[in-house]
Structure formats: C-alpha cells, structure tokens
N, C-alpha and C. Protein backbone atom coordinates (compact mmCIF):
# COMPACT_ATOMS: atom_id res chain seq x y z
N MET A 1 -4.24 6.31 12.89
CA MET A 1 -4.02 7.11 12.28
C MET A 1 -4.39 8.56 12.25
N GLU A 2 -5.32 8.78 13.25
CA GLU A 2 -5.51 10.38 13.77
C GLU A 2 -3.78 10.38 14.52
N SER A 3 -3.27 9.89 15.18
CA SER A 3 -1.79 10.55 15.27
C SER A 3 -0.77 10.55 14.53
N THR A 4 -0.62 9.72 13.61
CA THR A 4 -0.16 10.36 12.31
C THR A 4 -0.32 11.25 11.53
N VAL A 5 -1.52 11.91 11.49
CA VAL A 5 -2.14 13.15 10.88
C VAL A 5 -1.49 14.37 12.03
N ASP A 6 -1.51 13.91 13.14
CA ASP A 6 -1.36 14.99 13.98
C ASP A 6 0.14 15.49 14.74
N ALA A 7 0.77 13.75 14.42
CA ALA A 7 2.42 14.41 13.99
C ALA A 7 2.87 14.80 12.53
N LEU A 8 2.61 14.61 11.53
CA LEU A 8 2.53 15.50 10.20
C LEU A 8 2.13 16.68 10.60
N SER A 9 0.86 17.10 10.92
CA SER A 9 0.38 18.52 11.15
C SER A 9 1.65 19.34 12.28
N ALA A 10 1.87 18.23 13.01
CA ALA A 10 3.07 19.05 14.22
C ALA A 10 4.01 19.64 13.60
N ALA A 11 4.73 18.67 12.81
CA ALA A 11 5.97 18.97 11.89
C ALA A 11 5.93 19.82 10.65
N TYR A 12 4.84 19.83 10.41
CA TYR A 12 4.54 21.05 9.48
C TYR A 12 4.61 22.40 9.97
N GLN A 13 3.88 22.64 11.27
CA GLN A 13 3.88 23.86 11.37
C GLN A 13 5.25 23.91 12.36
N ASP A 14 5.90 23.23 12.79
CA ASP A 14 7.43 23.46 13.03
C ASP A 14 8.02 24.18 12.14
N PHE A 15 8.28 23.18 10.84
CA PHE A 15 8.58 23.23 9.89
C PHE A 15 8.73 24.62 9.05
N VAL A 16 7.04 25.30 9.18
CA VAL A 16 6.76 26.62 8.71
C VAL A 16 7.19 27.34 9.66
N ALA A 17 7.24 27.33 11.16
CA ALA A 17 7.65 28.22 12.21
C ALA A 17 8.92 28.31 11.94
N ALA A 18 10.05 27.57 11.58
CA ALA A 18 11.38 27.26 11.41
C ALA A 18 11.88 28.33 10.26
N ALA A 19 10.96 28.34 8.87
CA ALA A 19 10.79 29.19 7.86
C ALA A 19 10.75 30.57 8.36
N ALA A 20 9.58 30.70 9.01
CA ALA A 20 9.47 32.23 9.32
C ALA A 20 10.91 32.82 9.72
N GLY A 21 11.34 31.79 11.02
CA GLY A 21 12.21 32.42 11.77
C GLY A 21 13.49 33.01 10.99
N VAL A 22 13.69 31.91 9.78
CA VAL A 22 15.14 32.31 9.34
C VAL A 22 14.49 33.64 8.11
N LEU A 23 13.42 34.10 7.88
CA LEU A 23 13.12 35.15 7.08
C LEU A 23 12.77 35.91 8.13
N GLU A 24 12.65 36.40 9.04
CA GLU A 24 12.92 37.37 10.36
C GLU A 24 14.27 37.57 10.80
N ALA A 25 14.98 36.30 10.87
CA ALA A 25 16.44 36.56 11.11
C ALA A 25 17.08 37.51 10.04
N LYS A 26 16.53 37.03 9.00
CA LYS A 26 17.36 37.56 7.66
C LYS A 26 17.43 39.28 7.79
N GLU A 27 15.81 39.51 7.56
CA GLU A 27 15.56 40.46 8.21
C GLU A 27 16.04 41.47 9.47
N LEU A 28 15.98 41.13 10.32
CA LEU A 28 16.71 41.87 11.50
C LEU A 28 18.02 41.98 11.30
N SER A 29 19.06 41.34 10.42
CA SER A 29 20.13 41.23 10.08
C SER A 29 20.94 42.30 9.14
N GLY A 30 19.91 42.75 8.53
CA GLY A 30 19.41 43.60 7.18
C GLY A 30 20.07 43.17 5.81
N GLY A 31 20.12 41.20 6.38
CA GLY A 31 20.51 40.51 4.99
C GLY A 31 21.97 39.80 5.14
N GLN A 32 22.41 40.44 6.23
CA GLN A 32 23.51 39.80 6.32
C GLN A 32 23.75 38.31 7.09
N ASN A 33 24.83 37.85 6.76
CA ASN A 33 25.20 36.60 7.59
C ASN A 33 25.35 36.62 9.15
N THR A 34 24.93 36.28 10.04
CA THR A 34 25.13 36.36 11.69
C THR A 34 25.15 35.42 12.32
N ALA A 35 25.47 35.05 13.62
CA ALA A 35 25.22 33.96 14.14
C ALA A 35 23.71 33.48 14.61
N ALA A 36 22.62 34.84 14.64
CA ALA A 36 21.34 34.56 14.56
C ALA A 36 20.69 33.61 13.04
N THR A 37 21.32 34.51 12.06
CA THR A 37 21.02 33.83 11.04
C THR A 37 21.30 32.39 10.52
N ASP A 38 22.48 32.23 11.09
CA ASP A 38 23.39 30.39 11.17
C ASP A 38 22.39 30.17 12.15
N ALA A 39 21.83 30.24 12.99
CA ALA A 39 21.27 29.41 14.27
C ALA A 39 19.62 29.19 13.15
N SER A 40 19.14 30.13 12.90
CA SER A 40 17.93 30.07 12.17
C SER A 40 18.14 29.00 11.02
N LEU A 41 18.75 29.26 10.28
CA LEU A 41 19.25 28.12 9.37
C LEU A 41 19.07 26.68 9.54
N GLU A 42 20.39 26.68 10.47
CA GLU A 42 20.18 25.09 11.01
C GLU A 42 19.01 24.79 11.71
N SER A 43 18.13 25.72 12.50
CA SER A 43 17.18 24.98 12.99
C SER A 43 15.74 24.63 12.30
N PHE A 44 15.78 25.49 10.84
CA PHE A 44 15.42 25.65 9.60
C PHE A 44 15.58 23.64 8.93
N LYS A 45 17.05 23.74 8.75
CA LYS A 45 17.19 22.39 8.25
C LYS A 45 16.85 21.09 9.30
N GLN A 46 17.20 21.16 10.71
CA GLN A 46 16.47 20.26 11.42
C GLN A 46 15.23 19.96 11.08
N ARG A 47 14.42 21.83 11.38
CA ARG A 47 12.58 21.08 11.33
C ARG A 47 12.36 20.28 9.49
N TRP A 48 13.01 20.62 8.88
CA TRP A 48 13.14 20.08 7.22
C TRP A 48 13.03 18.69 7.12
N GLU A 49 14.35 18.30 8.00
CA GLU A 49 14.34 16.73 8.09
C GLU A 49 12.99 15.86 9.01
N LEU A 50 12.84 16.69 10.20
CA LEU A 50 11.88 16.31 10.98
C LEU A 50 10.19 16.09 9.96
N PHE A 51 10.51 17.35 9.25
CA PHE A 51 8.78 16.96 8.47
C PHE A 51 9.45 15.83 7.54
N ARG A 52 10.14 15.73 6.91
CA ARG A 52 10.21 14.82 5.72
C ARG A 52 10.17 13.04 6.71
N VAL A 53 10.57 13.25 7.33
CA VAL A 53 10.41 11.58 8.65
C VAL A 53 8.70 11.96 8.68
N ALA A 54 8.41 12.65 9.27
CA ALA A 54 7.12 12.32 9.37
C ALA A 54 6.16 12.43 8.14
N CYS A 55 6.43 12.61 7.15
CA CYS A 55 6.23 12.49 5.68
C CYS A 55 6.41 11.04 5.30
N ASP A 56 7.56 10.72 5.54
CA ASP A 56 8.04 8.93 5.75
C ASP A 56 6.99 8.02 6.57
N GLN A 57 6.78 8.59 7.13
CA GLN A 57 5.69 7.45 7.98
C GLN A 57 4.72 7.52 7.80
N ALA A 58 3.79 8.89 7.50
CA ALA A 58 2.40 8.70 7.03
C ALA A 58 2.48 8.15 5.81
N GLU A 59 3.06 7.94 5.20
CA GLU A 59 3.24 7.64 3.66
C GLU A 59 3.52 5.98 4.08
N GLU A 60 4.28 5.77 4.85
CA GLU A 60 4.24 4.33 5.07
C GLU A 60 3.18 3.34 5.82
N PHE A 61 2.35 4.26 6.30
CA PHE A 61 1.46 4.09 7.09
C PHE A 61 -0.22 3.46 6.24
N VAL A 62 -0.23 4.93 4.79
CA VAL A 62 -1.18 4.32 4.09
C VAL A 62 -0.39 3.83 2.99
N GLU A 63 0.48 2.98 2.72
CA GLU A 63 1.02 1.68 2.29
C GLU A 63 0.59 0.48 2.93
N SER A 64 0.65 0.91 4.26
CA SER A 64 0.04 -0.30 4.89
C SER A 64 -1.24 -0.29 5.10
N MET A 65 -1.97 0.52 5.28
CA MET A 65 -3.45 0.50 4.85
C MET A 65 -3.91 -0.18 3.33
N LYS A 66 -3.16 0.45 2.10
CA LYS A 66 -3.55 -0.18 1.09
C LYS A 66 -3.08 -1.86 1.02
N GLN A 67 -2.02 -1.77 1.62
CA GLN A 67 -2.09 -3.36 1.82
C GLN A 67 -3.34 -4.36 2.38
N ARG A 68 -3.29 -3.89 3.48
CA ARG A 68 -4.35 -3.97 4.33
C ARG A 68 -5.85 -4.26 3.44
N ILE A 69 -6.21 -3.49 2.66
CA ILE A 69 -7.68 -3.34 2.56
C ILE A 69 -7.35 -3.84 1.04
N GLY A 70 -6.37 -3.86 0.50
CA GLY A 70 -6.28 -5.21 -0.97
C GLY A 70 -6.40 -6.79 -0.75
N SER A 71 -5.64 -7.05 1.02
CA SER A 71 -6.03 -8.19 1.60
C SER A 71 -7.43 -8.81 2.12
N GLU A 72 -8.17 -7.57 2.72
CA GLU A 72 -9.40 -7.81 3.11
C GLU A 72 -10.63 -7.91 1.69
N CYS A 73 -10.09 -7.36 0.87
CA CYS A 73 -10.50 -7.84 -0.39
C CYS A 73 -10.48 -8.73 -1.16
N LEU A 74 -9.16 -9.32 -1.23
CA LEU A 74 -9.11 -10.80 -1.51
C LEU A 74 -9.58 -11.88 -0.90
N VAL A 75 -9.87 -11.54 0.63
CA VAL A 75 -10.67 -12.94 1.86
C VAL A 75 -12.34 -12.40 1.00
N ASP A 76 -12.56 -11.12 0.95
CA ASP A 76 -13.98 -11.09 0.67
C ASP A 76 -14.49 -11.84 -0.57
N GLU A 77 -13.70 -11.55 -1.71
CA GLU A 77 -13.36 -11.97 -3.28
C GLU A 77 -13.52 -13.38 -2.84
N ALA A 78 -12.66 -14.37 -2.07
CA ALA A 78 -12.85 -15.71 -1.71
C ALA A 78 -13.84 -16.17 -1.54
N THR A 79 -14.02 -15.94 -0.39
CA THR A 79 -15.30 -15.73 0.47
C THR A 79 -16.80 -15.83 -0.01
N GLY A 80 -16.85 -14.63 -1.27
CA GLY A 80 -18.02 -14.48 -1.58
C GLY A 80 -18.51 -13.46 -1.09
N ILE A 81 -18.53 -13.04 0.13
CA ILE A 81 -18.75 -12.21 0.97
C ILE A 81 -18.45 -10.50 0.36
N ALA A 82 -19.89 -9.98 0.52
CA ALA A 82 -19.32 -8.41 0.42
C ALA A 82 -19.24 -7.96 1.49
N PRO A 83 -18.49 -7.02 1.70
CA PRO A 83 -17.85 -6.22 3.60
C PRO A 83 -19.14 -5.65 4.01
N SER A 84 -19.77 -4.97 2.87
CA SER A 84 -21.15 -4.36 3.68
C SER A 84 -22.72 -4.87 3.87
N SER A 85 -22.21 -6.58 3.25
CA SER A 85 -23.30 -6.98 3.62
C SER A 85 -24.22 -6.94 4.99
N SER A 86 -25.48 -7.39 5.57
CA SER A 86 -25.84 -7.71 6.84
C SER A 86 -25.42 -9.40 6.83
N SER A 87 -25.60 -9.85 6.09
CA SER A 87 -24.94 -11.32 6.12
C SER A 87 -23.75 -11.41 6.47
N SER A 88 -22.75 -11.04 6.18
CA SER A 88 -21.38 -10.84 6.92
C SER A 88 -21.33 -11.13 7.68
N ALA A 89 -22.28 -10.91 8.68
CA ALA A 89 -21.68 -11.10 10.69
C ALA A 89 -22.77 -12.51 10.54
N ALA A 90 -23.19 -12.46 10.05
CA ALA A 90 -23.76 -14.13 10.57
C ALA A 90 -23.25 -14.64 9.77
N ALA A 91 -22.64 -14.71 8.53
CA ALA A 91 -21.57 -16.01 8.09
C ALA A 91 -20.34 -16.10 8.65
N ALA A 92 -20.26 -14.81 9.63
CA ALA A 92 -19.09 -14.90 9.92
C ALA A 92 -18.80 -16.13 11.25
N GLY A 93 -20.04 -16.01 11.93
CA GLY A 93 -20.47 -16.80 13.09
C GLY A 93 -19.54 -16.47 14.45
N ALA A 94 -19.54 -17.31 15.65
CA ALA A 94 -18.66 -16.71 16.88
C ALA A 94 -17.09 -16.41 16.51
N SER A 95 -16.74 -17.26 16.23
CA SER A 95 -15.58 -17.24 15.77
C SER A 95 -14.81 -15.77 15.19
N GLY A 96 -15.81 -15.11 14.43
CA GLY A 96 -15.59 -13.53 13.40
C GLY A 96 -14.68 -14.08 12.37
N ILE A 97 -14.41 -15.37 11.99
CA ILE A 97 -13.78 -15.52 10.69
C ILE A 97 -14.49 -16.05 9.84
N PRO A 98 -14.95 -15.60 8.53
CA PRO A 98 -15.79 -15.64 7.38
C PRO A 98 -15.44 -17.26 6.86
N PRO A 99 -16.61 -18.35 6.60
CA PRO A 99 -16.26 -19.15 5.90
C PRO A 99 -15.33 -19.12 4.53
N ILE A 100 -14.40 -20.02 4.13
CA ILE A 100 -13.92 -19.84 2.96
C ILE A 100 -14.36 -20.87 1.79
N SER A 101 -15.06 -19.94 0.74
CA SER A 101 -15.08 -21.28 -0.38
C SER A 101 -13.81 -21.79 -1.07
N ALA A 102 -13.61 -23.15 -0.77
CA ALA A 102 -12.06 -23.62 -1.04
C ALA A 102 -12.26 -23.51 -2.98
N VAL A 103 -13.43 -23.54 -3.76
CA VAL A 103 -13.49 -23.29 -4.95
C VAL A 103 -12.91 -21.90 -5.62
N ARG A 104 -13.56 -21.40 -4.88
CA ARG A 104 -13.43 -19.96 -4.81
C ARG A 104 -11.96 -19.25 -4.46
N LEU A 105 -11.30 -19.68 -3.72
CA LEU A 105 -9.62 -19.63 -3.48
C LEU A 105 -9.37 -20.01 -4.32
N GLU A 106 -9.29 -21.32 -4.92
CA GLU A 106 -8.35 -22.15 -5.96
C GLU A 106 -8.30 -21.45 -6.78
N GLN A 107 -9.53 -20.60 -7.49
CA GLN A 107 -9.82 -19.63 -8.65
C GLN A 107 -8.59 -18.85 -8.31
N MET A 108 -8.84 -17.89 -7.15
CA MET A 108 -8.22 -16.67 -7.09
C MET A 108 -6.51 -17.10 -6.86
N SER A 109 -6.11 -18.46 -6.51
CA SER A 109 -4.72 -18.70 -5.99
C SER A 109 -4.38 -18.75 -7.70
N LYS A 110 -4.67 -19.52 -8.55
CA LYS A 110 -4.73 -19.74 -9.97
C LYS A 110 -4.38 -18.50 -10.38
N ALA A 111 -5.40 -17.48 -10.47
CA ALA A 111 -5.25 -16.08 -11.03
C ALA A 111 -4.14 -15.55 -10.86
N VAL A 112 -3.85 -15.64 -9.33
CA VAL A 112 -2.19 -15.21 -9.19
C VAL A 112 -1.28 -15.61 -10.03
N ARG A 113 -1.02 -17.14 -9.51
CA ARG A 113 -0.50 -17.67 -10.31
C ARG A 113 0.31 -17.54 -11.50
N TRP A 114 -0.97 -17.35 -11.85
CA TRP A 114 -0.98 -17.30 -13.40
C TRP A 114 -0.25 -15.56 -13.66
N LEU A 115 -0.58 -14.55 -13.03
CA LEU A 115 0.08 -13.51 -13.26
C LEU A 115 1.62 -13.34 -12.94
N VAL A 116 2.00 -13.99 -11.59
CA VAL A 116 3.29 -14.45 -11.57
C VAL A 116 4.31 -14.98 -12.45
N ILE A 117 3.46 -15.94 -13.26
CA ILE A 117 4.53 -16.66 -14.22
C ILE A 117 4.30 -15.50 -15.20
N GLU A 118 3.49 -14.68 -15.72
CA GLU A 118 3.25 -13.78 -16.93
C GLU A 118 4.55 -12.70 -16.48
N LEU A 119 4.47 -12.42 -15.21
CA LEU A 119 5.13 -11.09 -15.05
C LEU A 119 6.48 -11.54 -14.81
N GLN A 120 6.79 -12.83 -14.62
CA GLN A 120 8.39 -13.45 -14.61
C GLN A 120 8.64 -13.50 -16.14
N HIS A 121 8.10 -14.51 -17.06
CA HIS A 121 8.01 -14.25 -18.50
C HIS A 121 8.26 -12.74 -19.14
N GLY A 122 7.64 -11.67 -18.80
CA GLY A 122 7.24 -10.88 -19.54
C GLY A 122 6.34 -10.36 -20.23
N SER A 123 5.35 -11.93 -20.23
CA SER A 123 4.77 -11.35 -20.92
C SER A 123 3.50 -10.60 -20.59
N GLY A 124 3.02 -9.80 -21.76
CA GLY A 124 1.98 -9.00 -21.44
C GLY A 124 0.63 -9.13 -22.39
N GLY A 125 0.86 -10.64 -22.56
CA GLY A 125 -0.79 -10.79 -23.22
C GLY A 125 -1.68 -11.04 -22.41
N PRO A 126 -2.67 -11.72 -22.47
CA PRO A 126 -3.66 -12.06 -21.60
C PRO A 126 -3.87 -13.25 -21.08
N GLY A 127 -3.94 -13.61 -19.87
CA GLY A 127 -4.34 -14.86 -19.15
C GLY A 127 -5.44 -15.22 -18.75
N PRO A 128 -5.29 -16.49 -18.03
CA PRO A 128 -7.11 -17.09 -18.01
C PRO A 128 -7.24 -15.90 -17.04
N GLY A 129 -8.80 -16.00 -17.47
CA GLY A 129 -9.76 -15.38 -16.90
C GLY A 129 -9.96 -13.56 -17.42
N SER A 130 -9.02 -13.47 -18.50
CA SER A 130 -8.78 -11.60 -18.63
C SER A 130 -9.82 -11.88 -20.02
N ALA A 131 -10.46 -10.55 -20.02
CA ALA A 131 -11.54 -10.45 -20.74
C ALA A 131 -11.00 -10.89 -22.58
N ALA A 132 -9.68 -10.59 -22.32
CA ALA A 132 -9.06 -11.07 -24.00
C ALA A 132 -8.94 -12.46 -24.39
N GLY A 133 -8.73 -13.01 -22.74
CA GLY A 133 -8.56 -14.59 -22.94
C GLY A 133 -10.05 -15.38 -22.72
N GLY A 134 -11.09 -14.70 -23.08
CA GLY A 134 -12.21 -15.17 -23.39
C GLY A 134 -13.33 -16.07 -21.76
N GLY A 135 -12.32 -15.42 -20.78
CA GLY A 135 -12.89 -15.89 -19.41
C GLY A 135 -11.93 -17.58 -18.61
N ALA A 136 -11.45 -18.24 -19.99
CA ALA A 136 -11.57 -19.56 -19.58
C ALA A 136 -9.64 -19.70 -20.14
N PRO A 137 -8.73 -20.89 -19.66
CA PRO A 137 -8.39 -21.24 -19.73
C PRO A 137 -7.85 -21.47 -21.16
N HIS A 138 -6.63 -21.17 -21.76
CA HIS A 138 -6.54 -22.13 -23.77
C HIS A 138 -6.48 -23.22 -23.56
N PRO A 139 -7.37 -23.95 -24.10
CA PRO A 139 -7.40 -25.17 -24.33
C PRO A 139 -6.08 -26.42 -24.40
N HIS A 140 -5.35 -25.54 -25.63
CA HIS A 140 -4.28 -26.69 -25.96
C HIS A 140 -3.10 -25.97 -24.94
N ALA A 141 -3.31 -24.92 -24.21
CA ALA A 141 -1.63 -24.43 -23.62
C ALA A 141 -1.68 -25.11 -22.38
N SER A 142 -0.40 -25.46 -21.80
CA SER A 142 -0.40 -25.98 -20.36
C SER A 142 -0.06 -25.09 -19.58
N PRO A 143 -0.16 -24.96 -18.41
CA PRO A 143 0.77 -23.52 -17.87
C PRO A 143 2.28 -24.44 -17.67
N PRO A 144 3.14 -22.87 -17.46
CA PRO A 144 4.39 -23.15 -17.30
C PRO A 144 4.30 -23.68 -15.70
N PHE A 145 5.75 -24.82 -15.72
CA PHE A 145 6.04 -25.16 -14.43
C PHE A 145 6.94 -24.05 -13.52
N ASP A 146 6.15 -23.71 -12.47
CA ASP A 146 6.94 -23.43 -11.52
C ASP A 146 7.15 -24.05 -10.06
N ALA A 147 8.14 -24.11 -9.74
CA ALA A 147 8.78 -24.57 -8.84
C ALA A 147 7.86 -24.18 -7.29
N ARG A 148 7.73 -23.14 -7.45
CA ARG A 148 7.32 -22.59 -6.21
C ARG A 148 6.04 -23.26 -5.33
N PHE A 149 5.37 -23.70 -6.97
CA PHE A 149 3.98 -24.08 -6.36
C PHE A 149 3.97 -25.51 -6.72
N SER A 150 4.34 -26.47 -5.84
CA SER A 150 4.18 -28.23 -6.38
C SER A 150 3.06 -28.60 -6.98
N GLU A 151 1.68 -27.64 -6.93
CA GLU A 151 0.78 -28.83 -7.74
C GLU A 151 0.40 -28.25 -9.02
N ASP A 152 1.42 -27.21 -9.60
CA ASP A 152 1.54 -27.37 -10.80
C ASP A 152 2.24 -28.20 -11.95
N GLY A 153 3.04 -29.19 -10.99
CA GLY A 153 3.67 -30.05 -11.92
C GLY A 153 2.77 -31.36 -11.96
N ALA A 154 1.54 -31.25 -11.26
CA ALA A 154 0.41 -32.15 -11.26
C ALA A 154 -0.39 -32.09 -12.29
N GLN A 155 -0.66 -30.90 -12.72
CA GLN A 155 -1.56 -30.46 -13.66
C GLN A 155 -1.34 -30.57 -15.13
C-alpha cells in the first residue's frame, strides 16, 4: 500500500511541476506559442497520462482490498469468529485456518443464492432472512431452480 501511495504522490508532483512548466513557458514567451511552450505542453500531457495511470492503479488496489476484506468478513461470519476476538487465534490452531461451521456456511450460501436468483429475476422484494421477510423463508414458496446450484433441484 505504501508503494502505491508513493507512486501516486510522485506522479502528482510530476504533474504539478509540468503544469508549472507550462505556465512559466507561456509567461517567458509573452503568451505566444513557441517551441518551448509546445514542449512544455507535451510534457504536461505525458505527466497527466502518467498521473491518470497511477490513479487507476491506486483505484485497482483499493478495489482489491475491498474484495479481500469482504471475503474475510464472509469467512468470519461463516465461522462465527469475530476478527478482533482473542479466541480466534486459539481456534485457528497451528494451521492458521479457523474451523468452519457447516451450518453457518450453508446458511450464508443459501442467502447468497437467493440474492443471485432475485437479481436475475429483477425482484426487488425481500428474500429469506431479510427483515421484511420475517427472517424465515416463505413457507409455501419453493425456491426457483438454478442449474448452477445442483442441490437446488433436490429441495
């Protein structure tokens, strides 16, 4: 992360310096277009592109961290272990991998599956487990079949 911030900062400083170079070249030429002003403008364009690339790389880094944190939160939710609890290190054992509660993982999997199905069908209504749905699946509704999840057909 530090290298990403350093690269972004350096690209920004170069961009600002190139902008100052354009202003200085324009001032020295009395506002006329000269070879020096054209060269400073070209340098400015290059620095602008490099700054944009650095911004894109920083944004990609942030997105990857958001996904990683989301994945870790999903695992924490499935295992029932809070990331800040002192018992998580002991529960992880020597392997460093916490035990996974199959029941909680199945509940999370079904919740995600329902969300995918609702999104595919464009349903904005509440699904199982939501506050408006009462926290339980609808007793008379059977879930739609989704071929990606073979266990859906067995329900």
